[in-house]
Amino acid sequence: MGLRGLLYLNHARVRVHKPRRLKVRSLLWLLILAPSLWFGYRELKSYFVRPQAILVLGGTPKRENFAAEFARQHPKIPIWVSGGSPEAYTEGVFADAGVNPMRLHIDRNAVDTVSNFTTLVDQFRARRINSVYLITSDYHMRRARVIGELVFGSRGIVLKPVPMPSDRATEPLAKTVRDGARAMLWLTTGHTGSTLVHRADDR
Protein backbone atom coordinates (compact mmCIF):
# COMPACT_ATOMS: atom_id res chain seq x y z
CA MET A 1 0.00 0.00 0.00
CA GLY A 2 1.32 3.38 -0.96
CA LEU A 3 1.73 6.49 1.13
CA ARG A 4 -1.55 7.89 -0.14
CA GLY A 5 -3.39 4.74 1.00
CA LEU A 6 -1.87 4.89 4.49
CA LEU A 7 -2.83 8.53 4.86
CA TYR A 8 -6.37 7.72 3.79
CA LEU A 9 -6.70 4.90 6.34
CA ASN A 10 -5.28 7.04 9.13
CA HIS A 11 -7.71 9.85 8.26
CA ALA A 12 -10.61 7.38 8.26
CA ARG A 13 -9.63 6.08 11.71
CA VAL A 14 -9.58 9.62 13.09
CA ARG A 15 -13.03 10.25 11.66
CA VAL A 16 -14.35 7.04 13.25
CA HIS A 17 -12.79 7.49 16.71
CA LYS A 18 -13.39 11.20 17.14
CA PRO A 19 -17.23 11.03 17.02
CA ARG A 20 -17.15 8.09 19.46
CA ARG A 21 -15.03 10.07 21.93
CA LEU A 22 -17.35 13.03 21.58
CA LYS A 23 -20.37 10.81 22.25
CA VAL A 24 -18.74 9.31 25.36
CA ARG A 25 -17.78 12.74 26.68
CA SER A 26 -21.26 14.09 25.98
CA LEU A 27 -22.82 11.15 27.80
CA LEU A 28 -20.54 11.64 30.81
CA TRP A 29 -21.40 15.34 30.97
CA LEU A 30 -25.09 14.49 30.71
CA LEU A 31 -24.80 12.00 33.58
CA ILE A 32 -23.11 14.67 35.71
CA LEU A 33 -25.27 17.64 34.77
CA ALA A 34 -28.72 16.04 34.67
CA PRO A 35 -28.86 15.17 38.41
CA SER A 36 -27.35 18.54 39.31
CA LEU A 37 -29.93 20.42 37.26
CA TRP A 38 -32.77 18.33 38.66
CA PHE A 39 -31.71 18.83 42.29
CA GLY A 40 -31.15 22.52 41.56
CA TYR A 41 -34.68 22.80 40.19
CA ARG A 42 -36.08 21.03 43.26
CA GLU A 43 -34.05 23.31 45.54
CA LEU A 44 -35.43 26.41 43.81
CA LYS A 45 -38.96 25.06 43.92
CA SER A 46 -38.74 24.46 47.67
CA TYR A 47 -38.28 28.19 48.28
CA PHE A 48 -41.68 28.99 46.83
CA VAL A 49 -43.87 26.28 48.36
CA ARG A 50 -46.07 26.55 51.43
CA PRO A 51 -45.77 23.11 53.05
CA GLN A 52 -48.94 21.27 54.01
CA ALA A 53 -47.34 19.00 56.62
CA ILE A 54 -44.32 18.51 58.86
CA LEU A 55 -42.21 15.35 58.65
CA VAL A 56 -39.83 14.67 61.52
CA LEU A 57 -37.20 11.97 61.13
CA GLY A 58 -36.74 10.28 64.48
CA GLY A 59 -33.25 9.58 65.76
CA THR A 60 -32.69 11.66 68.87
CA PRO A 61 -35.13 13.16 71.40
CA LYS A 62 -33.65 16.57 70.60
CA ARG A 63 -35.19 16.43 67.15
CA GLU A 64 -38.64 15.89 68.62
CA ASN A 65 -38.21 18.81 71.01
CA PHE A 66 -37.05 21.01 68.14
CA ALA A 67 -39.94 19.81 65.96
CA ALA A 68 -42.50 20.41 68.72
CA GLU A 69 -41.43 24.05 68.99
CA PHE A 70 -41.50 24.39 65.20
CA ALA A 71 -44.98 22.85 65.10
CA ARG A 72 -46.17 25.28 67.77
CA GLN A 73 -45.11 28.14 65.48
CA HIS A 74 -47.01 26.55 62.55
CA PRO A 75 -50.33 25.71 64.20
CA LYS A 76 -52.45 24.72 61.21
CA ILE A 77 -50.61 21.81 59.63
CA PRO A 78 -50.37 18.13 60.65
CA ILE A 79 -47.17 16.52 61.92
CA TRP A 80 -45.72 13.09 61.20
CA VAL A 81 -42.94 11.65 63.35
CA SER A 82 -41.26 8.69 61.65
CA GLY A 83 -39.31 6.45 63.98
CA GLY A 84 -37.76 7.95 67.07
CA SER A 85 -38.55 7.80 70.78
CA PRO A 86 -41.24 5.68 72.48
CA GLU A 87 -44.71 6.86 71.50
CA ALA A 88 -45.67 8.08 74.99
CA TYR A 89 -42.54 10.24 75.16
CA THR A 90 -43.18 11.76 71.74
CA GLU A 91 -46.79 12.53 72.62
CA GLY A 92 -45.65 14.17 75.86
CA VAL A 93 -43.09 16.38 74.09
CA PHE A 94 -45.69 17.76 71.68
CA ALA A 95 -48.32 18.10 74.43
CA ASP A 96 -45.88 20.09 76.58
CA ALA A 97 -45.35 22.43 73.61
CA GLY A 98 -49.10 23.02 73.41
CA VAL A 99 -49.56 21.15 70.13
CA ASN A 100 -53.05 19.75 69.57
CA PRO A 101 -52.72 15.91 69.70
CA MET A 102 -55.13 15.63 66.78
CA ARG A 103 -52.39 17.06 64.58
CA LEU A 104 -49.83 14.43 65.58
CA HIS A 105 -49.24 11.20 63.64
CA ILE A 106 -46.62 8.80 64.98
CA ASP A 107 -45.37 6.18 62.54
CA ARG A 108 -43.08 3.37 63.66
CA ASN A 109 -42.83 1.41 60.39
CA ALA A 110 -39.46 2.83 59.36
CA VAL A 111 -36.23 1.03 60.25
CA ASP A 112 -33.80 3.56 58.78
CA THR A 113 -33.61 6.83 56.84
CA VAL A 114 -34.63 5.32 53.49
CA SER A 115 -37.74 3.72 54.96
CA ASN A 116 -38.59 6.99 56.77
CA PHE A 117 -39.64 8.12 53.31
CA THR A 118 -40.76 4.94 51.56
CA THR A 119 -43.23 4.00 54.32
CA LEU A 120 -44.97 7.38 54.21
CA VAL A 121 -44.80 8.64 50.64
CA ASP A 122 -47.97 6.94 49.40
CA GLN A 123 -49.86 7.92 52.55
CA PHE A 124 -48.95 11.56 51.91
CA ARG A 125 -49.90 11.25 48.27
CA ALA A 126 -53.27 9.73 49.18
CA ARG A 127 -53.92 12.73 51.42
CA ARG A 128 -52.97 15.05 48.53
CA ILE A 129 -50.04 16.50 50.44
CA ASN A 130 -47.76 18.02 47.83
CA SER A 131 -45.15 19.69 50.04
CA VAL A 132 -43.68 19.09 53.50
CA TYR A 133 -41.28 20.62 55.98
CA LEU A 134 -38.49 18.11 56.53
CA ILE A 135 -37.00 18.20 60.02
CA THR A 136 -33.84 16.34 60.95
CA SER A 137 -30.40 17.14 62.38
CA ASP A 138 -28.12 19.33 60.25
CA TYR A 139 -25.44 16.60 60.02
CA HIS A 140 -28.10 14.18 58.67
CA MET A 141 -29.87 16.57 56.31
CA ARG A 142 -27.77 15.99 53.18
CA ARG A 143 -28.49 12.24 53.18
CA ALA A 144 -32.15 12.80 54.07
CA ARG A 145 -32.53 15.35 51.25
CA VAL A 146 -31.09 13.06 48.59
CA ILE A 147 -33.32 10.17 49.63
CA GLY A 148 -36.37 12.38 50.08
CA GLU A 149 -35.96 14.14 46.74
CA LEU A 150 -35.84 10.78 44.99
CA VAL A 151 -38.65 9.06 46.90
CA PHE A 152 -41.01 11.98 47.52
CA GLY A 153 -40.01 13.64 44.26
CA SER A 154 -41.23 10.54 42.41
CA ARG A 155 -44.73 11.39 43.67
CA GLY A 156 -44.42 15.12 43.04
CA ILE A 157 -43.95 16.02 46.72
CA VAL A 158 -41.63 18.97 47.41
CA LEU A 159 -39.39 19.10 50.50
CA LYS A 160 -38.56 22.25 52.44
CA PRO A 161 -35.63 21.44 54.76
CA VAL A 162 -35.59 22.64 58.36
CA PRO A 163 -32.25 21.47 59.83
CA MET A 164 -31.86 21.22 63.60
CA PRO A 165 -28.51 22.75 64.62
CA SER A 166 -25.96 20.46 66.23
CA ASP A 167 -22.24 20.32 66.91
CA ARG A 168 -21.64 17.20 64.78
CA ALA A 169 -19.88 17.04 61.42
CA THR A 170 -21.87 16.20 58.31
CA GLU A 171 -22.14 12.48 57.68
CA PRO A 172 -19.68 10.85 55.24
CA LEU A 173 -20.60 11.27 51.59
CA ALA A 174 -20.42 7.49 51.17
CA LYS A 175 -23.57 7.10 53.27
CA THR A 176 -25.42 9.56 51.07
CA VAL A 177 -24.32 7.75 47.90
CA ARG A 178 -25.24 4.36 49.36
CA ASP A 179 -28.72 5.41 50.48
CA GLY A 180 -29.32 7.37 47.30
CA ALA A 181 -28.68 4.10 45.43
CA ARG A 182 -31.10 2.34 47.78
CA ALA A 183 -33.75 4.96 47.03
CA MET A 184 -33.21 4.31 43.31
CA LEU A 185 -33.54 0.58 44.01
CA TRP A 186 -36.88 1.21 45.70
CA LEU A 187 -38.07 3.28 42.74
CA THR A 188 -37.30 0.47 40.33
CA THR A 189 -38.08 -2.66 42.39
CA GLY A 190 -40.09 -1.60 45.45
CA HIS A 191 -37.34 -2.90 47.77
CA THR A 192 -35.06 -0.72 49.92
CA GLY A 193 -32.25 -3.18 50.62
CA SER A 194 -32.59 -2.51 54.37
CA THR A 195 -31.80 -6.10 55.36
CA LEU A 196 -28.54 -6.18 53.42
CA VAL A 197 -27.41 -2.83 54.82
CA HIS A 198 -28.19 -3.81 58.38
CA ARG A 199 -26.26 -7.06 58.00
CA ALA A 200 -23.25 -5.13 56.69
CA ASP A 201 -23.51 -2.57 59.52
CA ASP A 202 -23.58 -5.37 62.10
CA ARG A 203 -20.20 -6.72 60.96
C-alpha atoms as a PDB file:
ATOM      1  CA  MET A   1       0.000   0.000   0.000  1.00  0.00           C
ATOM      2  CA  GLY A   2       1.324   3.381  -0.964  1.00  0.00           C
ATOM      3  CA  LEU A   3       1.729   6.495   1.133  1.00  0.00           C
ATOM      4  CA  ARG A   4      -1.552   7.887  -0.142  1.00  0.00           C
ATOM      5  CA  GLY A   5      -3.386   4.736   0.997  1.00  0.00           C
ATOM      6  CA  LEU A   6      -1.866   4.892   4.490  1.00  0.00           C
ATOM      7  CA  LEU A   7      -2.829   8.534   4.859  1.00  0.00           C
ATOM      8  CA  TYR A   8      -6.375   7.719   3.794  1.00  0.00           C
ATOM      9  CA  LEU A   9      -6.697   4.902   6.336  1.00  0.00           C
ATOM     10  CA  ASN A  10      -5.284   7.040   9.130  1.00  0.00           C
ATOM     11  CA  HIS A  11      -7.705   9.855   8.256  1.00  0.00           C
ATOM     12  CA  ALA A  12     -10.609   7.379   8.258  1.00  0.00           C
ATOM     13  CA  ARG A  13      -9.632   6.080  11.711  1.00  0.00           C
ATOM     14  CA  VAL A  14      -9.581   9.622  13.090  1.00  0.00           C
ATOM     15  CA  ARG A  15     -13.035  10.254  11.660  1.00  0.00           C
ATOM     16  CA  VAL A  16     -14.350   7.041  13.254  1.00  0.00           C
ATOM     17  CA  HIS A  17     -12.787   7.489  16.713  1.00  0.00           C
ATOM     18  CA  LYS A  18     -13.395  11.205  17.144  1.00  0.00           C
ATOM     19  CA  PRO A  19     -17.227  11.027  17.023  1.00  0.00           C
ATOM     20  CA  ARG A  20     -17.148   8.094  19.459  1.00  0.00           C
ATOM     21  CA  ARG A  21     -15.029  10.068  21.926  1.00  0.00           C
ATOM     22  CA  LEU A  22     -17.350  13.031  21.584  1.00  0.00           C
ATOM     23  CA  LYS A  23     -20.365  10.805  22.252  1.00  0.00           C
ATOM     24  CA  VAL A  24     -18.737   9.312  25.357  1.00  0.00           C
ATOM     25  CA  ARG A  25     -17.785  12.744  26.677  1.00  0.00           C
ATOM     26  CA  SER A  26     -21.265  14.091  25.982  1.00  0.00           C
ATOM     27  CA  LEU A  27     -22.818  11.147  27.804  1.00  0.00           C
ATOM     28  CA  LEU A  28     -20.540  11.639  30.815  1.00  0.00           C
ATOM     29  CA  TRP A  29     -21.400  15.340  30.973  1.00  0.00           C
ATOM     30  CA  LEU A  30     -25.089  14.490  30.712  1.00  0.00           C
ATOM     31  CA  LEU A  31     -24.797  12.005  33.577  1.00  0.00           C
ATOM     32  CA  ILE A  32     -23.108  14.667  35.706  1.00  0.00           C
ATOM     33  CA  LEU A  33     -25.268  17.643  34.770  1.00  0.00           C
ATOM     34  CA  ALA A  34     -28.719  16.038  34.674  1.00  0.00           C
ATOM     35  CA  PRO A  35     -28.864  15.167  38.409  1.00  0.00           C
ATOM     36  CA  SER A  36     -27.348  18.540  39.313  1.00  0.00           C
ATOM     37  CA  LEU A  37     -29.933  20.420  37.261  1.00  0.00           C
ATOM     38  CA  TRP A  38     -32.774  18.327  38.658  1.00  0.00           C
ATOM     39  CA  PHE A  39     -31.713  18.828  42.288  1.00  0.00           C
ATOM     40  CA  GLY A  40     -31.150  22.524  41.561  1.00  0.00           C
ATOM     41  CA  TYR A  41     -34.676  22.802  40.189  1.00  0.00           C
ATOM     42  CA  ARG A  42     -36.079  21.031  43.260  1.00  0.00           C
ATOM     43  CA  GLU A  43     -34.053  23.311  45.543  1.00  0.00           C
ATOM     44  CA  LEU A  44     -35.426  26.414  43.805  1.00  0.00           C
ATOM     45  CA  LYS A  45     -38.958  25.062  43.918  1.00  0.00           C
ATOM     46  CA  SER A  46     -38.742  24.458  47.673  1.00  0.00           C
ATOM     47  CA  TYR A  47     -38.276  28.191  48.280  1.00  0.00           C
ATOM     48  CA  PHE A  48     -41.685  28.994  46.832  1.00  0.00           C
ATOM     49  CA  VAL A  49     -43.871  26.277  48.362  1.00  0.00           C
ATOM     50  CA  ARG A  50     -46.075  26.551  51.430  1.00  0.00           C
ATOM     51  CA  PRO A  51     -45.774  23.111  53.048  1.00  0.00           C
ATOM     52  CA  GLN A  52     -48.936  21.269  54.013  1.00  0.00           C
ATOM     53  CA  ALA A  53     -47.341  18.996  56.623  1.00  0.00           C
ATOM     54  CA  ILE A  54     -44.317  18.515  58.864  1.00  0.00           C
ATOM     55  CA  LEU A  55     -42.213  15.353  58.647  1.00  0.00           C
ATOM     56  CA  VAL A  56     -39.834  14.673  61.518  1.00  0.00           C
ATOM     57  CA  LEU A  57     -37.197  11.967  61.135  1.00  0.00           C
ATOM     58  CA  GLY A  58     -36.735  10.282  64.480  1.00  0.00           C
ATOM     59  CA  GLY A  59     -33.254   9.582  65.755  1.00  0.00           C
ATOM     60  CA  THR A  60     -32.693  11.664  68.871  1.00  0.00           C
ATOM     61  CA  PRO A  61     -35.134  13.158  71.401  1.00  0.00           C
ATOM     62  CA  LYS A  62     -33.647  16.571  70.604  1.00  0.00           C
ATOM     63  CA  ARG A  63     -35.189  16.432  67.145  1.00  0.00           C
ATOM     64  CA  GLU A  64     -38.635  15.894  68.616  1.00  0.00           C
ATOM     65  CA  ASN A  65     -38.213  18.810  71.014  1.00  0.00           C
ATOM     66  CA  PHE A  66     -37.054  21.006  68.136  1.00  0.00           C
ATOM     67  CA  ALA A  67     -39.935  19.811  65.956  1.00  0.00           C
ATOM     68  CA  ALA A  68     -42.504  20.412  68.717  1.00  0.00           C
ATOM     69  CA  GLU A  69     -41.426  24.050  68.991  1.00  0.00           C
ATOM     70  CA  PHE A  70     -41.502  24.389  65.205  1.00  0.00           C
ATOM     71  CA  ALA A  71     -44.982  22.846  65.100  1.00  0.00           C
ATOM     72  CA  ARG A  72     -46.167  25.285  67.768  1.00  0.00           C
ATOM     73  CA  GLN A  73     -45.111  28.138  65.481  1.00  0.00           C
ATOM     74  CA  HIS A  74     -47.008  26.545  62.554  1.00  0.00           C
ATOM     75  CA  PRO A  75     -50.328  25.714  64.198  1.00  0.00           C
ATOM     76  CA  LYS A  76     -52.454  24.723  61.209  1.00  0.00           C
ATOM     77  CA  ILE A  77     -50.613  21.814  59.632  1.00  0.00           C
ATOM     78  CA  PRO A  78     -50.367  18.133  60.647  1.00  0.00           C
ATOM     79  CA  ILE A  79     -47.171  16.520  61.922  1.00  0.00           C
ATOM     80  CA  TRP A  80     -45.719  13.094  61.201  1.00  0.00           C
ATOM     81  CA  VAL A  81     -42.943  11.650  63.349  1.00  0.00           C
ATOM     82  CA  SER A  82     -41.261   8.694  61.646  1.00  0.00           C
ATOM     83  CA  GLY A  83     -39.307   6.447  63.978  1.00  0.00           C
ATOM     84  CA  GLY A  84     -37.756   7.954  67.073  1.00  0.00           C
ATOM     85  CA  SER A  85     -38.554   7.803  70.775  1.00  0.00           C
ATOM     86  CA  PRO A  86     -41.238   5.685  72.479  1.00  0.00           C
ATOM     87  CA  GLU A  87     -44.709   6.863  71.504  1.00  0.00           C
ATOM     88  CA  ALA A  88     -45.666   8.085  74.992  1.00  0.00           C
ATOM     89  CA  TYR A  89     -42.537  10.244  75.163  1.00  0.00           C
ATOM     90  CA  THR A  90     -43.182  11.758  71.736  1.00  0.00           C
ATOM     91  CA  GLU A  91     -46.794  12.529  72.617  1.00  0.00           C
ATOM     92  CA  GLY A  92     -45.647  14.167  75.862  1.00  0.00           C
ATOM     93  CA  VAL A  93     -43.091  16.377  74.088  1.00  0.00           C
ATOM     94  CA  PHE A  94     -45.689  17.763  71.684  1.00  0.00           C
ATOM     95  CA  ALA A  95     -48.322  18.101  74.427  1.00  0.00           C
ATOM     96  CA  ASP A  96     -45.885  20.091  76.576  1.00  0.00           C
ATOM     97  CA  ALA A  97     -45.348  22.425  73.608  1.00  0.00           C
ATOM     98  CA  GLY A  98     -49.103  23.017  73.410  1.00  0.00           C
ATOM     99  CA  VAL A  99     -49.562  21.153  70.132  1.00  0.00           C
ATOM    100  CA  ASN A 100     -53.052  19.746  69.569  1.00  0.00           C
ATOM    101  CA  PRO A 101     -52.721  15.914  69.700  1.00  0.00           C
ATOM    102  CA  MET A 102     -55.135  15.632  66.781  1.00  0.00           C
ATOM    103  CA  ARG A 103     -52.385  17.059  64.577  1.00  0.00           C
ATOM    104  CA  LEU A 104     -49.833  14.435  65.582  1.00  0.00           C
ATOM    105  CA  HIS A 105     -49.243  11.204  63.637  1.00  0.00           C
ATOM    106  CA  ILE A 106     -46.623   8.804  64.983  1.00  0.00           C
ATOM    107  CA  ASP A 107     -45.373   6.181  62.536  1.00  0.00           C
ATOM    108  CA  ARG A 108     -43.084   3.367  63.662  1.00  0.00           C
ATOM    109  CA  ASN A 109     -42.829   1.405  60.387  1.00  0.00           C
ATOM    110  CA  ALA A 110     -39.459   2.831  59.356  1.00  0.00           C
ATOM    111  CA  VAL A 111     -36.229   1.029  60.251  1.00  0.00           C
ATOM    112  CA  ASP A 112     -33.796   3.562  58.777  1.00  0.00           C
ATOM    113  CA  THR A 113     -33.611   6.834  56.842  1.00  0.00           C
ATOM    114  CA  VAL A 114     -34.629   5.324  53.493  1.00  0.00           C
ATOM    115  CA  SER A 115     -37.736   3.724  54.965  1.00  0.00           C
ATOM    116  CA  ASN A 116     -38.586   6.990  56.765  1.00  0.00           C
ATOM    117  CA  PHE A 117     -39.643   8.125  53.313  1.00  0.00           C
ATOM    118  CA  THR A 118     -40.758   4.939  51.564  1.00  0.00           C
ATOM    119  CA  THR A 119     -43.225   4.002  54.321  1.00  0.00           C
ATOM    120  CA  LEU A 120     -44.975   7.380  54.212  1.00  0.00           C
ATOM    121  CA  VAL A 121     -44.802   8.640  50.636  1.00  0.00           C
ATOM    122  CA  ASP A 122     -47.971   6.944  49.399  1.00  0.00           C
ATOM    123  CA  GLN A 123     -49.856   7.925  52.550  1.00  0.00           C
ATOM    124  CA  PHE A 124     -48.945  11.562  51.914  1.00  0.00           C
ATOM    125  CA  ARG A 125     -49.899  11.255  48.271  1.00  0.00           C
ATOM    126  CA  ALA A 126     -53.274   9.729  49.181  1.00  0.00           C
ATOM    127  CA  ARG A 127     -53.920  12.729  51.417  1.00  0.00           C
ATOM    128  CA  ARG A 128     -52.969  15.051  48.531  1.00  0.00           C
ATOM    129  CA  ILE A 129     -50.041  16.497  50.442  1.00  0.00           C
ATOM    130  CA  ASN A 130     -47.757  18.020  47.826  1.00  0.00           C
ATOM    131  CA  SER A 131     -45.150  19.693  50.038  1.00  0.00           C
ATOM    132  CA  VAL A 132     -43.679  19.089  53.500  1.00  0.00           C
ATOM    133  CA  TYR A 133     -41.281  20.620  55.978  1.00  0.00           C
ATOM    134  CA  LEU A 134     -38.493  18.107  56.532  1.00  0.00           C
ATOM    135  CA  ILE A 135     -37.001  18.204  60.021  1.00  0.00           C
ATOM    136  CA  THR A 136     -33.839  16.340  60.950  1.00  0.00           C
ATOM    137  CA  SER A 137     -30.399  17.144  62.378  1.00  0.00           C
ATOM    138  CA  ASP A 138     -28.117  19.331  60.253  1.00  0.00           C
ATOM    139  CA  TYR A 139     -25.440  16.603  60.016  1.00  0.00           C
ATOM    140  CA  HIS A 140     -28.099  14.182  58.672  1.00  0.00           C
ATOM    141  CA  MET A 141     -29.870  16.570  56.307  1.00  0.00           C
ATOM    142  CA  ARG A 142     -27.769  15.987  53.184  1.00  0.00           C
ATOM    143  CA  ARG A 143     -28.487  12.244  53.178  1.00  0.00           C
ATOM    144  CA  ALA A 144     -32.146  12.801  54.067  1.00  0.00           C
ATOM    145  CA  ARG A 145     -32.532  15.354  51.255  1.00  0.00           C
ATOM    146  CA  VAL A 146     -31.086  13.063  48.586  1.00  0.00           C
ATOM    147  CA  ILE A 147     -33.323  10.168  49.630  1.00  0.00           C
ATOM    148  CA  GLY A 148     -36.369  12.385  50.082  1.00  0.00           C
ATOM    149  CA  GLU A 149     -35.961  14.136  46.744  1.00  0.00           C
ATOM    150  CA  LEU A 150     -35.841  10.776  44.990  1.00  0.00           C
ATOM    151  CA  VAL A 151     -38.654   9.062  46.899  1.00  0.00           C
ATOM    152  CA  PHE A 152     -41.008  11.982  47.523  1.00  0.00           C
ATOM    153  CA  GLY A 153     -40.012  13.635  44.255  1.00  0.00           C
ATOM    154  CA  SER A 154     -41.233  10.544  42.406  1.00  0.00           C
ATOM    155  CA  ARG A 155     -44.728  11.394  43.674  1.00  0.00           C
ATOM    156  CA  GLY A 156     -44.419  15.119  43.041  1.00  0.00           C
ATOM    157  CA  ILE A 157     -43.950  16.016  46.717  1.00  0.00           C
ATOM    158  CA  VAL A 158     -41.630  18.966  47.415  1.00  0.00           C
ATOM    159  CA  LEU A 159     -39.385  19.103  50.495  1.00  0.00           C
ATOM    160  CA  LYS A 160     -38.565  22.255  52.437  1.00  0.00           C
ATOM    161  CA  PRO A 161     -35.631  21.442  54.759  1.00  0.00           C
ATOM    162  CA  VAL A 162     -35.588  22.641  58.363  1.00  0.00           C
ATOM    163  CA  PRO A 163     -32.253  21.466  59.830  1.00  0.00           C
ATOM    164  CA  MET A 164     -31.861  21.221  63.596  1.00  0.00           C
ATOM    165  CA  PRO A 165     -28.507  22.754  64.618  1.00  0.00           C
ATOM    166  CA  SER A 166     -25.958  20.457  66.232  1.00  0.00           C
ATOM    167  CA  ASP A 167     -22.237  20.316  66.907  1.00  0.00           C
ATOM    168  CA  ARG A 168     -21.645  17.202  64.783  1.00  0.00           C
ATOM    169  CA  ALA A 169     -19.880  17.043  61.418  1.00  0.00           C
ATOM    170  CA  THR A 170     -21.870  16.203  58.308  1.00  0.00           C
ATOM    171  CA  GLU A 171     -22.144  12.479  57.685  1.00  0.00           C
ATOM    172  CA  PRO A 172     -19.682  10.850  55.237  1.00  0.00           C
ATOM    173  CA  LEU A 173     -20.600  11.271  51.587  1.00  0.00           C
ATOM    174  CA  ALA A 174     -20.423   7.491  51.169  1.00  0.00           C
ATOM    175  CA  LYS A 175     -23.571   7.096  53.273  1.00  0.00           C
ATOM    176  CA  THR A 176     -25.420   9.564  51.071  1.00  0.00           C
ATOM    177  CA  VAL A 177     -24.325   7.748  47.902  1.00  0.00           C
ATOM    178  CA  ARG A 178     -25.244   4.359  49.360  1.00  0.00           C
ATOM    179  CA  ASP A 179     -28.718   5.413  50.483  1.00  0.00           C
ATOM    180  CA  GLY A 180     -29.316   7.367  47.300  1.00  0.00           C
ATOM    181  CA  ALA A 181     -28.680   4.102  45.434  1.00  0.00           C
ATOM    182  CA  ARG A 182     -31.096   2.338  47.777  1.00  0.00           C
ATOM    183  CA  ALA A 183     -33.747   4.963  47.028  1.00  0.00           C
ATOM    184  CA  MET A 184     -33.213   4.306  43.313  1.00  0.00           C
ATOM    185  CA  LEU A 185     -33.540   0.581  44.013  1.00  0.00           C
ATOM    186  CA  TRP A 186     -36.881   1.214  45.699  1.00  0.00           C
ATOM    187  CA  LEU A 187     -38.075   3.278  42.743  1.00  0.00           C
ATOM    188  CA  THR A 188     -37.297   0.467  40.332  1.00  0.00           C
ATOM    189  CA  THR A 189     -38.079  -2.660  42.392  1.00  0.00           C
ATOM    190  CA  GLY A 190     -40.091  -1.603  45.450  1.00  0.00           C
ATOM    191  CA  HIS A 191     -37.339  -2.902  47.773  1.00  0.00           C
ATOM    192  CA  THR A 192     -35.063  -0.718  49.921  1.00  0.00           C
ATOM    193  CA  GLY A 193     -32.254  -3.181  50.623  1.00  0.00           C
ATOM    194  CA  SER A 194     -32.587  -2.508  54.369  1.00  0.00           C
ATOM    195  CA  THR A 195     -31.805  -6.097  55.362  1.00  0.00           C
ATOM    196  CA  LEU A 196     -28.544  -6.181  53.423  1.00  0.00           C
ATOM    197  CA  VAL A 197     -27.412  -2.826  54.821  1.00  0.00           C
ATOM    198  CA  HIS A 198     -28.193  -3.807  58.383  1.00  0.00           C
ATOM    199  CA  ARG A 199     -26.263  -7.060  57.998  1.00  0.00           C
ATOM    200  CA  ALA A 200     -23.255  -5.134  56.686  1.00  0.00           C
ATOM    201  CA  ASP A 201     -23.508  -2.569  59.515  1.00  0.00           C
ATOM    202  CA  ASP A 202     -23.582  -5.371  62.103  1.00  0.00           C
ATOM    203  CA  ARG A 203     -20.202  -6.720  60.959  1.00  0.00           C
END
